[in-house]
């Protein structure tokens, strides 16, 4: 089955706006992940080490970050192909 390129239907200006939005979202999301990881480490030293319960949320959210990264890379490829 051939995968349809959804970026072909979007104008170049919309692609650039989407890339900017995804970059901003990734920046905010990575900040949140860092805070969660530091909180998990802090709480593990403060209350004892419970790796499953404390680190579950940051680890569970990493696939969302990689999905956004993949989206950004695909958007950049499409922008580059249209500008060349």
PDB file of N, CA and C in Angstrom:
ATOM      1  N   UNK A   1       0.840  -1.173   0.000  1.00  0.00           N
ATOM      2  CA  UNK A   1       0.000   0.000   0.000  1.00  0.00           C
ATOM      3  C   UNK A   1       0.888   1.240   0.000  1.00  0.00           C
ATOM      4  N   UNK A   2       0.597   2.164  -0.869  1.00  0.00           N
ATOM      5  CA  UNK A   2       1.388   3.382  -0.993  1.00  0.00           C
ATOM      6  C   UNK A   2       0.858   4.412  -0.002  1.00  0.00           C
ATOM      7  N   UNK A   3       1.795   5.007   0.703  1.00  0.00           N
ATOM      8  CA  UNK A   3       1.443   6.005   1.699  1.00  0.00           C
ATOM      9  C   UNK A   3       1.269   7.360   1.019  1.00  0.00           C
ATOM     10  N   UNK A   4       0.149   8.016   1.267  1.00  0.00           N
ATOM     11  CA  UNK A   4      -0.127   9.312   0.657  1.00  0.00           C
ATOM     12  C   UNK A   4       0.633  10.411   1.406  1.00  0.00           C
ATOM     13  N   UNK A   5       1.221  11.313   0.658  1.00  0.00           N
ATOM     14  CA  UNK A   5       1.948  12.429   1.246  1.00  0.00           C
ATOM     15  C   UNK A   5       0.957  13.537   1.581  1.00  0.00           C
ATOM     16  N   UNK A   6       0.681  13.705   2.864  1.00  0.00           N
ATOM     17  CA  UNK A   6      -0.307  14.701   3.276  1.00  0.00           C
ATOM     18  C   UNK A   6       0.220  16.123   3.155  1.00  0.00           C
ATOM     19  N   UNK A   7       1.524  16.270   3.030  1.00  0.00           N
ATOM     20  CA  UNK A   7       2.125  17.597   2.960  1.00  0.00           C
ATOM     21  C   UNK A   7       1.980  18.225   1.582  1.00  0.00           C
ATOM     22  N   UNK A   8       1.674  17.424   0.567  1.00  0.00           N
ATOM     23  CA  UNK A   8       1.505  17.955  -0.788  1.00  0.00           C
ATOM     24  C   UNK A   8       0.283  18.867  -0.891  1.00  0.00           C
ATOM     25  N   UNK A   9      -0.694  18.676  -0.014  1.00  0.00           N
ATOM     26  CA  UNK A   9      -1.930  19.450  -0.068  1.00  0.00           C
ATOM     27  C   UNK A   9      -1.824  20.796   0.644  1.00  0.00           C
ATOM     28  N   UNK A  10      -0.726  21.003   1.366  1.00  0.00           N
ATOM     29  CA  UNK A  10      -0.563  22.203   2.179  1.00  0.00           C
ATOM     30  C   UNK A  10       0.346  23.181   1.452  1.00  0.00           C
ATOM     31  N   UNK A  11       0.018  24.476   1.515  1.00  0.00           N
ATOM     32  CA  UNK A  11       0.849  25.487   0.863  1.00  0.00           C
ATOM     33  C   UNK A  11       2.171  25.643   1.604  1.00  0.00           C
ATOM     34  N   UNK A  12       3.124  26.291   0.944  1.00  0.00           N
ATOM     35  CA  UNK A  12       4.456  26.466   1.517  1.00  0.00           C
ATOM     36  C   UNK A  12       4.404  27.323   2.778  1.00  0.00           C
ATOM     37  N   UNK A  13       3.601  28.377   2.764  1.00  0.00           N
ATOM     38  CA  UNK A  13       3.488  29.231   3.951  1.00  0.00           C
ATOM     39  C   UNK A  13       2.872  28.475   5.125  1.00  0.00           C
ATOM     40  N   UNK A  14       1.899  27.636   4.843  1.00  0.00           N
ATOM     41  CA  UNK A  14       1.292  26.838   5.903  1.00  0.00           C
ATOM     42  C   UNK A  14       2.281  25.816   6.458  1.00  0.00           C
ATOM     43  N   UNK A  15       3.118  25.259   5.581  1.00  0.00           N
ATOM     44  CA  UNK A  15       4.149  24.320   6.038  1.00  0.00           C
ATOM     45  C   UNK A  15       5.149  25.008   6.951  1.00  0.00           C
ATOM     46  N   UNK A  16       5.554  26.217   6.585  1.00  0.00           N
ATOM     47  CA  UNK A  16       6.493  26.957   7.427  1.00  0.00           C
ATOM     48  C   UNK A  16       5.866  27.295   8.773  1.00  0.00           C
ATOM     49  N   UNK A  17       4.599  27.670   8.777  1.00  0.00           N
ATOM     50  CA  UNK A  17       3.909  27.959  10.033  1.00  0.00           C
ATOM     51  C   UNK A  17       3.781  26.701  10.879  1.00  0.00           C
ATOM     52  N   UNK A  18       3.499  25.579  10.226  1.00  0.00           N
ATOM     53  CA  UNK A  18       3.385  24.317  10.949  1.00  0.00           C
ATOM     54  C   UNK A  18       4.730  23.927  11.556  1.00  0.00           C
ATOM     55  N   UNK A  19       5.817  24.114  10.813  1.00  0.00           N
ATOM     56  CA  UNK A  19       7.145  23.780  11.336  1.00  0.00           C
ATOM     57  C   UNK A  19       7.471  24.645  12.548  1.00  0.00           C
ATOM     58  N   UNK A  20       7.124  25.917  12.481  1.00  0.00           N
ATOM     59  CA  UNK A  20       7.373  26.816  13.606  1.00  0.00           C
ATOM     60  C   UNK A  20       6.558  26.404  14.826  1.00  0.00           C
ATOM     61  N   UNK A  21       5.312  26.029  14.608  1.00  0.00           N
ATOM     62  CA  UNK A  21       4.446  25.595  15.706  1.00  0.00           C
ATOM     63  C   UNK A  21       4.967  24.317  16.342  1.00  0.00           C
ATOM     64  N   UNK A  22       5.388  23.369  15.522  1.00  0.00           N
ATOM     65  CA  UNK A  22       5.890  22.095  16.047  1.00  0.00           C
ATOM     66  C   UNK A  22       7.194  22.319  16.816  1.00  0.00           C
ATOM     67  N   UNK A  23       8.059  23.213  16.326  1.00  0.00           N
ATOM     68  CA  UNK A  23       9.295  23.530  17.056  1.00  0.00           C
ATOM     69  C   UNK A  23       8.980  24.088  18.438  1.00  0.00           C
ATOM     70  N   UNK A  24       8.016  25.007  18.489  1.00  0.00           N
ATOM     71  CA  UNK A  24       7.622  25.595  19.773  1.00  0.00           C
ATOM     72  C   UNK A  24       7.048  24.535  20.700  1.00  0.00           C
ATOM     73  N   UNK A  25       6.204  23.674  20.161  1.00  0.00           N
ATOM     74  CA  UNK A  25       5.616  22.604  20.968  1.00  0.00           C
ATOM     75  C   UNK A  25       6.686  21.658  21.483  1.00  0.00           C
ATOM     76  N   UNK A  26       7.669  21.342  20.647  1.00  0.00           N
ATOM     77  CA  UNK A  26       8.748  20.447  21.070  1.00  0.00           C
ATOM     78  C   UNK A  26       9.593  21.089  22.164  1.00  0.00           C
ATOM     79  N   UNK A  27       9.845  22.377  22.046  1.00  0.00           N
ATOM     80  CA  UNK A  27      10.618  23.089  23.059  1.00  0.00           C
ATOM     81  C   UNK A  27       9.897  23.044  24.411  1.00  0.00           C
ATOM     82  N   UNK A  28       8.611  23.348  24.406  1.00  0.00           N
ATOM     83  CA  UNK A  28       7.822  23.332  25.643  1.00  0.00           C
ATOM     84  C   UNK A  28       7.730  21.916  26.198  1.00  0.00           C
ATOM     85  N   UNK A  29       7.466  20.952  25.325  1.00  0.00           N
ATOM     86  CA  UNK A  29       7.315  19.565  25.757  1.00  0.00           C
ATOM     87  C   UNK A  29       8.618  19.018  26.322  1.00  0.00           C
ATOM     88  N   UNK A  30       9.759  19.362  25.698  1.00  0.00           N
ATOM     89  CA  UNK A  30      11.031  18.885  26.230  1.00  0.00           C
ATOM     90  C   UNK A  30      11.329  19.523  27.583  1.00  0.00           C
ATOM     91  N   UNK A  31      10.913  20.774  27.781  1.00  0.00           N
ATOM     92  CA  UNK A  31      11.051  21.406  29.094  1.00  0.00           C
ATOM     93  C   UNK A  31      10.233  20.686  30.147  1.00  0.00           C
ATOM     94  N   UNK A  32       9.019  20.315  29.776  1.00  0.00           N
ATOM     95  CA  UNK A  32       8.162  19.575  30.709  1.00  0.00           C
ATOM     96  C   UNK A  32       8.774  18.213  31.042  1.00  0.00           C
ATOM     97  N   UNK A  33       9.300  17.544  30.020  1.00  0.00           N
ATOM     98  CA  UNK A  33       9.936  16.243  30.264  1.00  0.00           C
ATOM     99  C   UNK A  33      11.142  16.379  31.179  1.00  0.00           C
ATOM    100  N   UNK A  34      11.945  17.417  30.976  1.00  0.00           N
ATOM    101  CA  UNK A  34      13.102  17.629  31.854  1.00  0.00           C
ATOM    102  C   UNK A  34      12.671  17.879  33.292  1.00  0.00           C
ATOM    103  N   UNK A  35      11.634  18.681  33.473  1.00  0.00           N
ATOM    104  CA  UNK A  35      11.130  18.940  34.824  1.00  0.00           C
ATOM    105  C   UNK A  35      10.644  17.638  35.458  1.00  0.00           C
ATOM    106  N   UNK A  36       9.941  16.821  34.691  1.00  0.00           N
ATOM    107  CA  UNK A  36       9.452  15.545  35.221  1.00  0.00           C
ATOM    108  C   UNK A  36      10.597  14.605  35.594  1.00  0.00           C
ATOM    109  N   UNK A  37      11.631  14.566  34.773  1.00  0.00           N
ATOM    110  CA  UNK A  37      12.770  13.699  35.080  1.00  0.00           C
ATOM    111  C   UNK A  37      13.495  14.197  36.326  1.00  0.00           C
ATOM    112  N   UNK A  38      13.732  15.516  36.403  1.00  0.00           N
ATOM    113  CA  UNK A  38      14.402  16.052  37.594  1.00  0.00           C
ATOM    114  C   UNK A  38      13.548  15.853  38.846  1.00  0.00           C
ATOM    115  N   UNK A  39      12.230  15.997  38.714  1.00  0.00           N
ATOM    116  CA  UNK A  39      11.349  15.756  39.856  1.00  0.00           C
ATOM    117  C   UNK A  39      11.407  14.289  40.272  1.00  0.00           C
ATOM    118  N   UNK A  40      11.461  13.397  39.293  1.00  0.00           N
ATOM    119  CA  UNK A  40      11.547  11.966  39.608  1.00  0.00           C
ATOM    120  C   UNK A  40      12.846  11.641  40.327  1.00  0.00           C
ATOM    121  N   UNK A  41      13.938  12.213  39.859  1.00  0.00           N
ATOM    122  CA  UNK A  41      15.227  11.972  40.515  1.00  0.00           C
ATOM    123  C   UNK A  41      15.221  12.571  41.919  1.00  0.00           C
ATOM    124  N   UNK A  42      14.715  13.786  42.053  1.00  0.00           N
ATOM    125  CA  UNK A  42      14.651  14.435  43.359  1.00  0.00           C
ATOM    126  C   UNK A  42      13.797  13.622  44.337  1.00  0.00           C
ATOM    127  N   UNK A  43      12.633  13.193  43.877  1.00  0.00           N
ATOM    128  CA  UNK A  43      11.753  12.414  44.750  1.00  0.00           C
ATOM    129  C   UNK A  43      12.348  11.046  45.086  1.00  0.00           C
ATOM    130  N   UNK A  44      13.112  10.481  44.162  1.00  0.00           N
ATOM    131  CA  UNK A  44      13.712   9.183  44.468  1.00  0.00           C
ATOM    132  C   UNK A  44      14.774   9.317  45.553  1.00  0.00           C
ATOM    133  N   UNK A  45      15.510  10.428  45.561  1.00  0.00           N
ATOM    134  CA  UNK A  45      16.484  10.644  46.636  1.00  0.00           C
ATOM    135  C   UNK A  45      15.792  11.038  47.935  1.00  0.00           C
ATOM    136  N   UNK A  46      14.712  11.749  47.823  1.00  0.00           N
ATOM    137  CA  UNK A  46      14.016  12.272  49.004  1.00  0.00           C
ATOM    138  C   UNK A  46      13.168  11.205  49.700  1.00  0.00           C
ATOM    139  N   UNK A  47      12.446  10.405  48.928  1.00  0.00           N
ATOM    140  CA  UNK A  47      11.495   9.469  49.515  1.00  0.00           C
ATOM    141  C   UNK A  47      11.884   8.006  49.346  1.00  0.00           C
ATOM    142  N   UNK A  48      12.952   7.753  48.714  1.00  0.00           N
ATOM    143  CA  UNK A  48      13.316   6.371  48.438  1.00  0.00           C
ATOM    144  C   UNK A  48      13.136   6.082  46.967  1.00  0.00           C
ATOM    145  N   UNK A  49      13.791   5.076  46.483  1.00  0.00           N
ATOM    146  CA  UNK A  49      13.813   4.790  45.061  1.00  0.00           C
ATOM    147  C   UNK A  49      12.685   3.842  44.678  1.00  0.00           C
ATOM    148  N   UNK A  50      11.721   4.351  43.923  1.00  0.00           N
ATOM    149  CA  UNK A  50      10.631   3.559  43.357  1.00  0.00           C
ATOM    150  C   UNK A  50      10.633   3.805  41.847  1.00  0.00           C
ATOM    151  N   UNK A  51      11.450   3.076  41.099  1.00  0.00           N
ATOM    152  CA  UNK A  51      11.642   3.401  39.676  1.00  0.00           C
ATOM    153  C   UNK A  51      10.385   3.265  38.828  1.00  0.00           C
ATOM    154  N   UNK A  52       9.544   2.321  39.117  1.00  0.00           N
ATOM    155  CA  UNK A  52       8.361   2.097  38.293  1.00  0.00           C
ATOM    156  C   UNK A  52       7.386   3.264  38.440  1.00  0.00           C
ATOM    157  N   UNK A  53       7.102   3.659  39.644  1.00  0.00           N
ATOM    158  CA  UNK A  53       6.084   4.677  39.863  1.00  0.00           C
ATOM    159  C   UNK A  53       6.571   6.082  39.541  1.00  0.00           C
ATOM    160  N   UNK A  54       7.838   6.381  39.790  1.00  0.00           N
ATOM    161  CA  UNK A  54       8.327   7.740  39.619  1.00  0.00           C
ATOM    162  C   UNK A  54       8.702   8.038  38.170  1.00  0.00           C
ATOM    163  N   UNK A  55       9.380   7.128  37.519  1.00  0.00           N
ATOM    164  CA  UNK A  55       9.855   7.380  36.170  1.00  0.00           C
ATOM    165  C   UNK A  55       8.874   6.962  35.088  1.00  0.00           C
ATOM    166  N   UNK A  56       7.717   6.465  35.467  1.00  0.00           N
ATOM    167  CA  UNK A  56       6.761   5.977  34.479  1.00  0.00           C
ATOM    168  C   UNK A  56       6.254   7.090  33.574  1.00  0.00           C
ATOM    169  N   UNK A  57       5.889   8.218  34.124  1.00  0.00           N
ATOM    170  CA  UNK A  57       5.298   9.295  33.330  1.00  0.00           C
ATOM    171  C   UNK A  57       6.291   9.873  32.317  1.00  0.00           C
ATOM    172  N   UNK A  58       7.522  10.260  32.720  1.00  0.00           N
ATOM    173  CA  UNK A  58       8.435  10.782  31.698  1.00  0.00           C
ATOM    174  C   UNK A  58       8.760   9.774  30.594  1.00  0.00           C
ATOM    175  N   UNK A  59       8.941   8.527  30.962  1.00  0.00           N
ATOM    176  CA  UNK A  59       9.255   7.499  29.966  1.00  0.00           C
ATOM    177  C   UNK A  59       8.057   7.262  29.054  1.00  0.00           C
ATOM    178  N   UNK A  60       6.859   7.306  29.595  1.00  0.00           N
ATOM    179  CA  UNK A  60       5.654   7.085  28.798  1.00  0.00           C
ATOM    180  C   UNK A  60       5.418   8.231  27.813  1.00  0.00           C
ATOM    181  N   UNK A  61       5.931   9.416  28.110  1.00  0.00           N
ATOM    182  CA  UNK A  61       5.709  10.570  27.239  1.00  0.00           C
ATOM    183  C   UNK A  61       6.762  10.711  26.142  1.00  0.00           C
ATOM    184  N   UNK A  62       7.850   9.967  26.195  1.00  0.00           N
ATOM    185  CA  UNK A  62       8.884  10.072  25.166  1.00  0.00           C
ATOM    186  C   UNK A  62       8.399   9.717  23.764  1.00  0.00           C
ATOM    187  N   UNK A  63       7.534   8.738  23.555  1.00  0.00           N
ATOM    188  CA  UNK A  63       7.053   8.474  22.189  1.00  0.00           C
ATOM    189  C   UNK A  63       6.321   9.670  21.569  1.00  0.00           C
ATOM    190  N   UNK A  64       5.664  10.467  22.375  1.00  0.00           N
ATOM    191  CA  UNK A  64       5.004  11.663  21.853  1.00  0.00           C
ATOM    192  C   UNK A  64       6.048  12.628  21.318  1.00  0.00           C
ATOM    193  N   UNK A  65       7.152  12.774  22.043  1.00  0.00           N
ATOM    194  CA  UNK A  65       8.231  13.650  21.597  1.00  0.00           C
ATOM    195  C   UNK A  65       8.807  13.172  20.268  1.00  0.00           C
ATOM    196  N   UNK A  66       9.029  11.871  20.138  1.00  0.00           N
ATOM    197  CA  UNK A  66       9.587  11.344  18.899  1.00  0.00           C
ATOM    198  C   UNK A  66       8.601  11.451  17.741  1.00  0.00           C
ATOM    199  N   UNK A  67       7.314  11.368  18.030  1.00  0.00           N
ATOM    200  CA  UNK A  67       6.308  11.598  16.989  1.00  0.00           C
ATOM    201  C   UNK A  67       6.343  13.029  16.485  1.00  0.00           C
ATOM    202  N   UNK A  68       6.490  13.984  17.404  1.00  0.00           N
ATOM    203  CA  UNK A  68       6.602  15.386  17.002  1.00  0.00           C
ATOM    204  C   UNK A  68       7.881  15.616  16.212  1.00  0.00           C
ATOM    205  N   UNK A  69       8.974  14.965  16.607  1.00  0.00           N
ATOM    206  CA  UNK A  69      10.237  15.098  15.895  1.00  0.00           C
ATOM    207  C   UNK A  69      10.123  14.554  14.473  1.00  0.00           C
ATOM    208  N   UNK A  70       9.459  13.435  14.318  1.00  0.00           N
ATOM    209  CA  UNK A  70       9.235  12.853  12.999  1.00  0.00           C
ATOM    210  C   UNK A  70       8.390  13.787  12.131  1.00  0.00           C
ATOM    211  N   UNK A  71       7.353  14.369  12.707  1.00  0.00           N
ATOM    212  CA  UNK A  71       6.500  15.313  11.998  1.00  0.00           C
ATOM    213  C   UNK A  71       7.307  16.522  11.541  1.00  0.00           C
ATOM    214  N   UNK A  72       8.161  17.037  12.419  1.00  0.00           N
ATOM    215  CA  UNK A  72       8.985  18.188  12.072  1.00  0.00           C
ATOM    216  C   UNK A  72       9.959  17.846  10.947  1.00  0.00           C
ATOM    217  N   UNK A  73      10.576  16.688  11.010  1.00  0.00           N
ATOM    218  CA  UNK A  73      11.512  16.286   9.958  1.00  0.00           C
ATOM    219  C   UNK A  73      10.813  16.132   8.609  1.00  0.00           C
ATOM    220  N   UNK A  74       9.629  15.546   8.595  1.00  0.00           N
ATOM    221  CA  UNK A  74       8.879  15.405   7.352  1.00  0.00           C
ATOM    222  C   UNK A  74       8.477  16.767   6.797  1.00  0.00           C
ATOM    223  N   UNK A  75       8.084  17.673   7.668  1.00  0.00           N
ATOM    224  CA  UNK A  75       7.713  19.020   7.233  1.00  0.00           C
ATOM    225  C   UNK A  75       8.918  19.743   6.644  1.00  0.00           C
ATOM    226  N   UNK A  76      10.074  19.620   7.290  1.00  0.00           N
ATOM    227  CA  UNK A  76      11.292  20.256   6.777  1.00  0.00           C
ATOM    228  C   UNK A  76      11.699  19.684   5.426  1.00  0.00           C
ATOM    229  N   UNK A  77      11.553  18.380   5.251  1.00  0.00           N
ATOM    230  CA  UNK A  77      11.876  17.764   3.964  1.00  0.00           C
ATOM    231  C   UNK A  77      10.981  18.310   2.855  1.00  0.00           C
ATOM    232  N   UNK A  78       9.713  18.445   3.160  1.00  0.00           N
ATOM    233  CA  UNK A  78       8.776  18.962   2.153  1.00  0.00           C
ATOM    234  C   UNK A  78       9.067  20.420   1.832  1.00  0.00           C
ATOM    235  N   UNK A  79       9.398  21.220   2.843  1.00  0.00           N
ATOM    236  CA  UNK A  79       9.747  22.623   2.608  1.00  0.00           C
ATOM    237  C   UNK A  79      10.998  22.697   1.735  1.00  0.00           C
ATOM    238  N   UNK A  80      11.993  21.874   2.051  1.00  0.00           N
ATOM    239  CA  UNK A  80      13.234  21.884   1.291  1.00  0.00           C
ATOM    240  C   UNK A  80      13.006  21.452  -0.153  1.00  0.00           C
ATOM    241  N   UNK A  81      12.159  20.463  -0.355  1.00  0.00           N
ATOM    242  CA  UNK A  81      11.898  19.992  -1.717  1.00  0.00           C
ATOM    243  C   UNK A  81      11.148  21.036  -2.540  1.00  0.00           C
ATOM    244  N   UNK A  82      10.311  21.824  -1.914  1.00  0.00           N
ATOM    245  CA  UNK A  82       9.579  22.869  -2.633  1.00  0.00           C
ATOM    246  C   UNK A  82      10.440  24.090  -2.910  1.00  0.00           C
ATOM    247  N   UNK A  83      11.393  24.384  -2.047  1.00  0.00           N
ATOM    248  CA  UNK A  83      12.227  25.561  -2.241  1.00  0.00           C
ATOM    249  C   UNK A  83      13.358  25.317  -3.235  1.00  0.00           C
ATOM    250  N   UNK A  84      13.676  24.071  -3.509  1.00  0.00           N
ATOM    251  CA  UNK A  84      14.770  23.796  -4.448  1.00  0.00           C
ATOM    252  C   UNK A  84      14.294  23.686  -5.881  1.00  0.00           C
TER     253      UNK A  84
END
